[in-house]
Each structure stands twice: as C-alpha cells, then as structure tokens.
Amino acid sequence: MSVNNAMTVDFLCSAYGGESMAHMRYTIWANAAEKEKFPNIARLFRGIAYAEWCHANNHFNALNKPVEDKTVTAGAVFGHTNTVENLQGAIDGELHEIDQMYPVYLEAAKFQNEKDAQRTFHYALEAEKIHAKLFKEAQDKAKKGEDIGNETIYICPICGFTEIGDQVEKCPVCGVSKDKFKAF
C-alpha cells in the first residue's frame, strides 16, 4: 500500500526529515554528555536516537513511492552548549511533535484514509510522549550535576516505544514481543 494524498505525502516527508535530524542531534548530544561525565544521559540520548531512527524508517517506508527528488521542510532544534541546555532542546523538540506536529499529521491522515500514515504517525506520537518525560527527568538530574541511573533502556524497533528497566512483556503501542526490543 502506498500513500496517495499529496498532503499526507508532504507530512510524511516532513516527519521523516525531522526524525532524521533528531536522530543525528541526539547522537551528537550523547557525545557531549559523555564528555561532561554523564554517561547514562549519553546512553539515554543514544537510545532515543535509535527510536527516532525507527520513526524515520516507518515514515520513509509508508511513502512507498518511486525514487524522486523532494524538497523537505522540517522543523528542528539546532546548536548545543551543555547537557542541561541540550536536554532542553530535546524537550522542546519532543513537545513540538506532541502538541503541534503529530496531532495535525495524524488527523490529516485519518481524514484522507491513509492507513499506513495513520499507523506511523500514531507510533511516533506515543513514543514522543515518553521521550519528553524521560528527557525532563534527565534534565532535572543534570541541573544538580547528577547523572540518571544505569538501568537498561529498552526501545521497541517497530514503533520506538521506550522504557527504562524491564517492565513490559510486549510493546503497549504496537504489540511486538519484548524479546525484539533493542537494549541500551
């Protein structure tokens, strides 16, 4: 199945661009957190970077279009200074996706009856809610000069659902078995 409506195609391309940039930004910020002696916050950035890759992959695959050139406009946070500020950038980006971007994209996909786009937008929206919370918790610790705990971070490879610790047997968003999750 491929997406047929131009508006949903544009939204998928924009979301792909935004998630791709988030993947790279979080990878860069992970390196900065390591240098600042926050190895577990670095691991959180790397885990969520993988979740953002999952989102970008889903958006890209939902397009299922022939190869073509496309100009993509996508919002993004740029720059970095220190881990506390970088976490604020991550929080701001996630909140934009939760409050602005994905609700609109999802409603448009529903209106246009684009099932693949609905699925991928829903997956990303649900994961971003968790990411914003985890980044805020990490920022609260970093503001005190503390790192987060060293519990394993699990990422669902299908939808990007993220959990710290071993609490679920299957993904509550897409239903994939926990044994498929990637551990960080």
Protein backbone atom coordinates (compact mmCIF):
# COMPACT_ATOMS: atom_id res chain seq x y z
CA MET A 1 0.00 0.00 0.00
CA SER A 2 1.26 3.49 -0.73
CA VAL A 3 0.13 6.93 0.31
CA ASN A 4 -1.90 8.69 -2.39
CA ASN A 5 -2.80 12.12 -1.00
CA ALA A 6 -0.28 14.89 -1.59
CA MET A 7 -0.81 16.50 1.83
CA THR A 8 -0.10 13.25 3.66
CA VAL A 9 2.93 12.63 1.43
CA ASP A 10 4.26 16.07 2.40
CA PHE A 11 3.61 15.37 6.09
CA LEU A 12 5.42 12.02 5.88
CA CYS A 13 8.39 13.67 4.17
CA SER A 14 8.49 16.45 6.76
CA ALA A 15 8.23 13.95 9.63
CA TYR A 16 10.96 11.83 8.04
CA GLY A 17 13.22 14.88 7.84
CA GLY A 18 12.50 15.92 11.42
CA GLU A 19 13.06 12.44 12.84
CA SER A 20 16.26 12.01 10.82
CA MET A 21 17.61 15.27 12.23
CA ALA A 22 16.54 14.27 15.76
CA HIS A 23 18.44 11.00 15.35
CA MET A 24 21.63 12.87 14.44
CA ARG A 25 21.14 15.65 17.00
CA TYR A 26 20.66 13.16 19.85
CA THR A 27 23.74 11.24 18.73
CA ILE A 28 25.80 14.45 18.81
CA TRP A 29 24.35 15.42 22.19
CA ALA A 30 25.16 11.92 23.52
CA ASN A 31 28.82 12.53 22.72
CA ALA A 32 28.67 15.89 24.52
CA ALA A 33 27.02 14.30 27.58
CA GLU A 34 29.78 11.70 27.74
CA LYS A 35 32.44 14.42 27.69
CA GLU A 36 30.62 16.15 30.56
CA LYS A 37 30.72 12.90 32.58
CA PHE A 38 27.03 12.00 32.15
CA PRO A 39 27.44 8.50 30.66
CA ASN A 40 23.88 7.41 31.42
CA ILE A 41 22.33 10.56 29.96
CA ALA A 42 24.52 9.87 26.92
CA ARG A 43 23.03 6.37 26.79
CA LEU A 44 19.52 7.86 27.02
CA PHE A 45 20.28 10.16 24.09
CA ARG A 46 21.60 7.18 22.09
CA GLY A 47 18.59 5.02 22.90
CA ILE A 48 16.12 7.72 21.93
CA ALA A 49 18.20 8.48 18.83
CA TYR A 50 17.51 4.88 17.82
CA ALA A 51 13.78 5.38 18.48
CA GLU A 52 13.86 8.45 16.22
CA TRP A 53 15.55 6.32 13.55
CA CYS A 54 12.64 3.86 13.90
CA HIS A 55 10.18 6.71 13.32
CA ALA A 56 12.08 7.99 10.29
CA ASN A 57 12.26 4.45 8.91
CA ASN A 58 8.49 3.98 9.35
CA HIS A 59 7.69 7.32 7.71
CA PHE A 60 10.02 6.57 4.79
CA ASN A 61 8.55 3.10 4.26
CA ALA A 62 4.96 4.38 4.46
CA LEU A 63 5.68 6.59 1.47
CA ASN A 64 6.36 3.54 -0.73
CA LYS A 65 6.92 5.80 -3.73
CA PRO A 66 9.29 5.60 -6.68
CA VAL A 67 12.62 7.34 -6.13
CA GLU A 68 12.27 11.07 -6.80
CA ASP A 69 13.75 14.38 -5.70
CA LYS A 70 11.79 16.11 -2.97
CA THR A 71 12.39 19.34 -1.10
CA VAL A 72 11.59 18.71 2.55
CA THR A 73 10.72 21.34 5.10
CA ALA A 74 11.07 20.09 8.65
CA GLY A 75 11.34 21.93 11.95
CA ALA A 76 14.35 21.19 14.10
CA VAL A 77 16.36 22.39 17.08
CA PHE A 78 19.95 23.36 16.26
CA GLY A 79 23.07 24.01 18.30
CA HIS A 80 24.49 22.73 21.55
CA THR A 81 26.17 24.16 24.61
CA ASN A 82 25.97 21.80 27.56
CA THR A 83 23.94 18.78 28.61
CA VAL A 84 21.30 20.76 30.52
CA GLU A 85 20.73 23.05 27.51
CA ASN A 86 20.85 20.15 25.06
CA LEU A 87 18.20 18.34 27.12
CA GLN A 88 16.05 21.48 26.94
CA GLY A 89 16.40 21.43 23.17
CA ALA A 90 15.33 17.77 23.17
CA ILE A 91 12.35 18.54 25.42
CA ASP A 92 11.31 21.46 23.20
CA GLY A 93 11.53 19.32 20.07
CA GLU A 94 9.55 16.47 21.58
CA LEU A 95 6.85 18.83 22.90
CA HIS A 96 6.52 20.40 19.45
CA GLU A 97 5.90 16.95 17.99
CA ILE A 98 3.43 16.04 20.76
CA ASP A 99 1.47 19.30 20.86
CA GLN A 100 1.70 20.56 17.29
CA MET A 101 3.05 18.30 14.59
CA TYR A 102 1.85 14.74 15.07
CA PRO A 103 -1.72 15.54 16.12
CA VAL A 104 -2.20 17.53 12.90
CA TYR A 105 -0.45 14.95 10.73
CA LEU A 106 -2.45 12.13 12.29
CA GLU A 107 -5.79 13.89 11.80
CA ALA A 108 -4.98 14.65 8.17
CA ALA A 109 -4.05 11.00 7.56
CA LYS A 110 -7.32 9.89 9.18
CA PHE A 111 -9.31 12.38 7.10
CA GLN A 112 -7.60 11.15 3.93
CA ASN A 113 -7.96 7.50 4.98
CA GLU A 114 -4.21 6.88 4.73
CA LYS A 115 -3.83 3.81 6.99
CA ASP A 116 -0.03 3.45 6.77
CA ALA A 117 0.47 7.11 7.59
CA GLN A 118 -2.00 6.87 10.48
CA ARG A 119 -0.06 3.95 11.93
CA THR A 120 3.37 5.57 11.68
CA PHE A 121 2.17 8.95 13.00
CA HIS A 122 0.42 7.23 15.92
CA TYR A 123 3.52 5.20 16.77
CA ALA A 124 5.72 8.30 16.76
CA LEU A 125 3.28 10.39 18.79
CA GLU A 126 3.02 7.79 21.55
CA ALA A 127 6.80 7.36 21.76
CA GLU A 128 7.48 11.11 21.79
CA LYS A 129 5.31 11.48 24.91
CA ILE A 130 7.64 9.10 26.72
CA HIS A 131 10.76 10.78 25.32
CA ALA A 132 9.72 14.21 26.59
CA LYS A 133 9.17 12.78 30.08
CA LEU A 134 12.50 10.94 30.13
CA PHE A 135 14.41 13.98 28.88
CA LYS A 136 12.78 16.16 31.57
CA GLU A 137 13.73 13.67 34.29
CA ALA A 138 17.29 13.59 32.96
CA GLN A 139 17.45 17.37 32.85
CA ASP A 140 16.28 17.63 36.48
CA LYS A 141 19.19 15.37 37.46
CA ALA A 142 21.73 17.15 35.24
CA LYS A 143 20.79 20.53 36.74
CA LYS A 144 22.00 19.12 40.08
CA GLY A 145 25.18 17.82 38.45
CA GLU A 146 23.87 14.25 38.70
CA ASP A 147 23.55 11.52 36.10
CA ILE A 148 20.46 9.34 35.70
CA GLY A 149 20.50 5.73 36.90
CA ASN A 150 22.16 2.95 34.97
CA GLU A 151 19.05 0.83 34.34
CA THR A 152 18.79 -0.67 30.88
CA ILE A 153 16.90 1.42 28.34
CA TYR A 154 14.71 -0.66 26.00
CA ILE A 155 13.47 0.58 22.62
CA CYS A 156 10.81 -1.13 20.52
CA PRO A 157 12.26 -1.48 17.00
CA ILE A 158 8.81 -1.20 15.41
CA CYS A 159 7.33 1.94 16.99
CA GLY A 160 10.09 3.46 19.12
CA PHE A 161 8.30 2.87 22.45
CA THR A 162 10.89 3.49 25.15
CA GLU A 163 11.12 2.17 28.68
CA ILE A 164 13.71 2.22 31.40
CA GLY A 165 14.00 -1.10 33.18
CA ASP A 166 12.34 -4.40 32.39
CA GLN A 167 8.64 -3.71 32.99
CA VAL A 168 6.65 -4.91 29.97
CA GLU A 169 6.38 -8.25 28.18
CA LYS A 170 5.22 -6.70 24.93
CA CYS A 171 5.06 -3.23 23.48
CA PRO A 172 1.93 -1.42 24.69
CA VAL A 173 1.82 0.64 21.47
CA CYS A 174 2.37 -1.89 18.65
CA GLY A 175 2.28 -5.25 20.45
CA VAL A 176 5.73 -6.53 19.47
CA SER A 177 7.31 -9.00 21.89
CA LYS A 178 9.84 -7.62 24.40
CA ASP A 179 12.50 -10.04 23.15
CA LYS A 180 12.66 -7.93 19.95
CA PHE A 181 13.45 -4.70 21.85
CA LYS A 182 16.91 -3.17 21.49
CA ALA A 183 18.72 -2.60 24.78
CA PHE A 184 20.93 0.39 25.57
